[in-house]
Amino acid sequence: MNSVDPAPASRSRLIRDLALKGAEVTRDEEERRRRGIETLKRLARGEIDYDFEAVRQIHAEREAGFE
């Protein structure tokens, strides 16, 4: 907790605020995961147009830039 606030006005308030932020981050991560899974399902069902060859090319170009 020292890295967040070495001298908080209220230690219990700081702990509460950190817990709330942690819960918010956890909720947001789970929502992103859920949306990602739904997008993959839509891709698999053919509901989203996706050019796999173009993606392969983009990845190859990006990887070539890191060499």
N, C-alpha and C. Protein backbone atom coordinates (compact mmCIF):
# COMPACT_ATOMS: atom_id res chain seq x y z
N MET A 1 0.82 -1.19 0.00
CA MET A 1 0.00 0.00 0.00
C MET A 1 0.87 1.26 0.00
N ASN A 2 2.08 1.12 0.46
CA ASN A 2 2.97 2.29 0.49
C ASN A 2 3.21 2.86 -0.90
N SER A 3 3.21 1.99 -1.91
CA SER A 3 3.46 2.49 -3.27
C SER A 3 2.27 3.29 -3.79
N VAL A 4 1.09 3.06 -3.24
CA VAL A 4 -0.10 3.81 -3.64
C VAL A 4 -0.19 5.11 -2.87
N ASP A 5 -0.06 5.02 -1.56
CA ASP A 5 -0.11 6.21 -0.70
C ASP A 5 0.59 5.88 0.61
N PRO A 6 1.83 6.34 0.79
CA PRO A 6 2.58 5.99 2.00
C PRO A 6 2.00 6.59 3.28
N ALA A 7 1.21 7.64 3.17
CA ALA A 7 0.64 8.27 4.36
C ALA A 7 -0.83 8.62 4.11
N PRO A 8 -1.69 7.61 3.98
CA PRO A 8 -3.09 7.91 3.70
C PRO A 8 -3.77 8.59 4.89
N ALA A 9 -4.73 9.44 4.59
CA ALA A 9 -5.49 10.08 5.66
C ALA A 9 -6.27 9.02 6.44
N SER A 10 -6.71 8.01 5.71
CA SER A 10 -7.45 6.91 6.34
C SER A 10 -7.01 5.60 5.69
N ARG A 11 -6.36 4.76 6.48
CA ARG A 11 -5.90 3.47 5.96
C ARG A 11 -7.07 2.61 5.51
N SER A 12 -8.13 2.60 6.28
CA SER A 12 -9.29 1.77 5.93
C SER A 12 -9.95 2.29 4.64
N ARG A 13 -9.95 3.60 4.46
CA ARG A 13 -10.51 4.18 3.22
C ARG A 13 -9.67 3.78 2.02
N LEU A 14 -8.34 3.79 2.18
CA LEU A 14 -7.45 3.39 1.10
C LEU A 14 -7.68 1.92 0.74
N ILE A 15 -7.79 1.06 1.76
CA ILE A 15 -8.06 -0.36 1.51
C ILE A 15 -9.38 -0.54 0.79
N ARG A 16 -10.40 0.19 1.21
CA ARG A 16 -11.71 0.12 0.56
C ARG A 16 -11.62 0.57 -0.89
N ASP A 17 -10.95 1.69 -1.13
CA ASP A 17 -10.82 2.21 -2.50
C ASP A 17 -10.06 1.23 -3.40
N LEU A 18 -9.00 0.62 -2.85
CA LEU A 18 -8.24 -0.36 -3.63
C LEU A 18 -9.10 -1.59 -3.95
N ALA A 19 -9.89 -2.02 -2.98
CA ALA A 19 -10.77 -3.17 -3.21
C ALA A 19 -11.80 -2.86 -4.29
N LEU A 20 -12.37 -1.66 -4.25
CA LEU A 20 -13.35 -1.28 -5.26
C LEU A 20 -12.72 -1.20 -6.64
N LYS A 21 -11.52 -0.62 -6.72
CA LYS A 21 -10.82 -0.56 -8.01
C LYS A 21 -10.51 -1.96 -8.52
N GLY A 22 -10.07 -2.84 -7.63
CA GLY A 22 -9.79 -4.21 -8.02
C GLY A 22 -11.03 -4.92 -8.54
N ALA A 23 -12.16 -4.70 -7.89
CA ALA A 23 -13.41 -5.30 -8.34
C ALA A 23 -13.79 -4.76 -9.72
N GLU A 24 -13.58 -3.47 -9.93
CA GLU A 24 -13.90 -2.85 -11.22
C GLU A 24 -13.03 -3.43 -12.33
N VAL A 25 -11.75 -3.56 -12.05
CA VAL A 25 -10.82 -4.11 -13.05
C VAL A 25 -11.20 -5.56 -13.36
N THR A 26 -11.51 -6.34 -12.34
CA THR A 26 -11.90 -7.73 -12.53
C THR A 26 -13.17 -7.81 -13.37
N ARG A 27 -14.14 -6.97 -13.09
CA ARG A 27 -15.40 -6.96 -13.86
C ARG A 27 -15.13 -6.59 -15.32
N ASP A 28 -14.30 -5.58 -15.53
CA ASP A 28 -13.98 -5.15 -16.89
C ASP A 28 -13.25 -6.23 -17.67
N GLU A 29 -12.31 -6.91 -17.00
CA GLU A 29 -11.58 -7.99 -17.67
C GLU A 29 -12.53 -9.12 -18.07
N GLU A 30 -13.44 -9.47 -17.20
CA GLU A 30 -14.40 -10.54 -17.49
C GLU A 30 -15.31 -10.14 -18.64
N GLU A 31 -15.72 -8.89 -18.69
CA GLU A 31 -16.56 -8.41 -19.80
C GLU A 31 -15.80 -8.46 -21.12
N ARG A 32 -14.54 -8.05 -21.13
CA ARG A 32 -13.73 -8.13 -22.36
C ARG A 32 -13.57 -9.58 -22.80
N ARG A 33 -13.36 -10.47 -21.84
CA ARG A 33 -13.22 -11.89 -22.15
C ARG A 33 -14.53 -12.43 -22.75
N ARG A 34 -15.65 -12.07 -22.16
CA ARG A 34 -16.95 -12.53 -22.64
C ARG A 34 -17.20 -12.03 -24.06
N ARG A 35 -16.88 -10.75 -24.30
CA ARG A 35 -17.07 -10.18 -25.65
C ARG A 35 -16.15 -10.84 -26.66
N GLY A 36 -14.93 -11.15 -26.24
CA GLY A 36 -13.99 -11.82 -27.12
C GLY A 36 -14.48 -13.21 -27.52
N ILE A 37 -14.98 -13.94 -26.55
CA ILE A 37 -15.52 -15.28 -26.83
C ILE A 37 -16.72 -15.17 -27.77
N GLU A 38 -17.59 -14.21 -27.53
CA GLU A 38 -18.75 -14.04 -28.41
C GLU A 38 -18.32 -13.69 -29.83
N THR A 39 -17.30 -12.86 -29.97
CA THR A 39 -16.80 -12.52 -31.31
C THR A 39 -16.25 -13.76 -32.00
N LEU A 40 -15.49 -14.57 -31.27
CA LEU A 40 -14.96 -15.80 -31.86
C LEU A 40 -16.09 -16.74 -32.29
N LYS A 41 -17.13 -16.84 -31.49
CA LYS A 41 -18.28 -17.68 -31.86
C LYS A 41 -18.95 -17.14 -33.13
N ARG A 42 -19.09 -15.82 -33.22
CA ARG A 42 -19.70 -15.23 -34.41
C ARG A 42 -18.84 -15.47 -35.64
N LEU A 43 -17.52 -15.40 -35.48
CA LEU A 43 -16.61 -15.71 -36.58
C LEU A 43 -16.80 -17.17 -37.03
N ALA A 44 -16.85 -18.07 -36.06
CA ALA A 44 -16.99 -19.50 -36.36
C ALA A 44 -18.31 -19.79 -37.06
N ARG A 45 -19.35 -19.04 -36.72
CA ARG A 45 -20.67 -19.24 -37.36
C ARG A 45 -20.77 -18.52 -38.69
N GLY A 46 -19.74 -17.76 -39.06
CA GLY A 46 -19.75 -17.04 -40.33
C GLY A 46 -20.58 -15.77 -40.30
N GLU A 47 -20.85 -15.26 -39.13
CA GLU A 47 -21.66 -14.05 -38.99
C GLU A 47 -20.83 -12.79 -39.20
N ILE A 48 -19.52 -12.92 -39.12
CA ILE A 48 -18.61 -11.79 -39.29
C ILE A 48 -17.69 -12.12 -40.46
N ASP A 49 -17.63 -11.22 -41.43
CA ASP A 49 -16.69 -11.41 -42.54
C ASP A 49 -15.28 -11.20 -42.01
N TYR A 50 -14.41 -12.12 -42.34
CA TYR A 50 -13.05 -12.06 -41.83
C TYR A 50 -12.12 -12.62 -42.88
N ASP A 51 -11.15 -11.87 -43.27
CA ASP A 51 -10.21 -12.28 -44.29
C ASP A 51 -8.97 -12.87 -43.62
N PHE A 52 -8.99 -14.18 -43.44
CA PHE A 52 -7.90 -14.84 -42.74
C PHE A 52 -6.57 -14.67 -43.47
N GLU A 53 -6.59 -14.68 -44.78
CA GLU A 53 -5.35 -14.52 -45.54
C GLU A 53 -4.75 -13.13 -45.32
N ALA A 54 -5.59 -12.12 -45.29
CA ALA A 54 -5.11 -10.76 -45.02
C ALA A 54 -4.51 -10.67 -43.63
N VAL A 55 -5.13 -11.34 -42.67
CA VAL A 55 -4.61 -11.33 -41.30
C VAL A 55 -3.25 -12.03 -41.25
N ARG A 56 -3.11 -13.16 -41.95
CA ARG A 56 -1.82 -13.85 -42.01
C ARG A 56 -0.74 -12.92 -42.57
N GLN A 57 -1.09 -12.21 -43.61
CA GLN A 57 -0.12 -11.30 -44.24
C GLN A 57 0.26 -10.17 -43.28
N ILE A 58 -0.70 -9.60 -42.62
CA ILE A 58 -0.43 -8.53 -41.66
C ILE A 58 0.49 -9.03 -40.55
N HIS A 59 0.20 -10.22 -40.02
CA HIS A 59 1.04 -10.78 -38.96
C HIS A 59 2.45 -11.05 -39.47
N ALA A 60 2.55 -11.58 -40.68
CA ALA A 60 3.88 -11.86 -41.25
C ALA A 60 4.68 -10.57 -41.40
N GLU A 61 4.03 -9.52 -41.88
CA GLU A 61 4.71 -8.23 -42.04
C GLU A 61 5.12 -7.66 -40.69
N ARG A 62 4.25 -7.79 -39.72
CA ARG A 62 4.57 -7.28 -38.39
C ARG A 62 5.75 -8.05 -37.79
N GLU A 63 5.72 -9.37 -37.92
CA GLU A 63 6.81 -10.18 -37.37
C GLU A 63 8.12 -9.88 -38.09
N ALA A 64 8.08 -9.63 -39.39
CA ALA A 64 9.28 -9.32 -40.16
C ALA A 64 9.90 -8.01 -39.65
N GLY A 65 9.07 -7.10 -39.18
CA GLY A 65 9.55 -5.82 -38.67
C GLY A 65 10.28 -5.94 -37.35
N PHE A 66 10.09 -7.05 -36.65
CA PHE A 66 10.72 -7.26 -35.34
C PHE A 66 12.04 -7.98 -35.43
N GLU A 67 12.44 -8.39 -36.62
CA GLU A 67 13.70 -9.14 -36.76
C GLU A 67 14.88 -8.23 -36.79
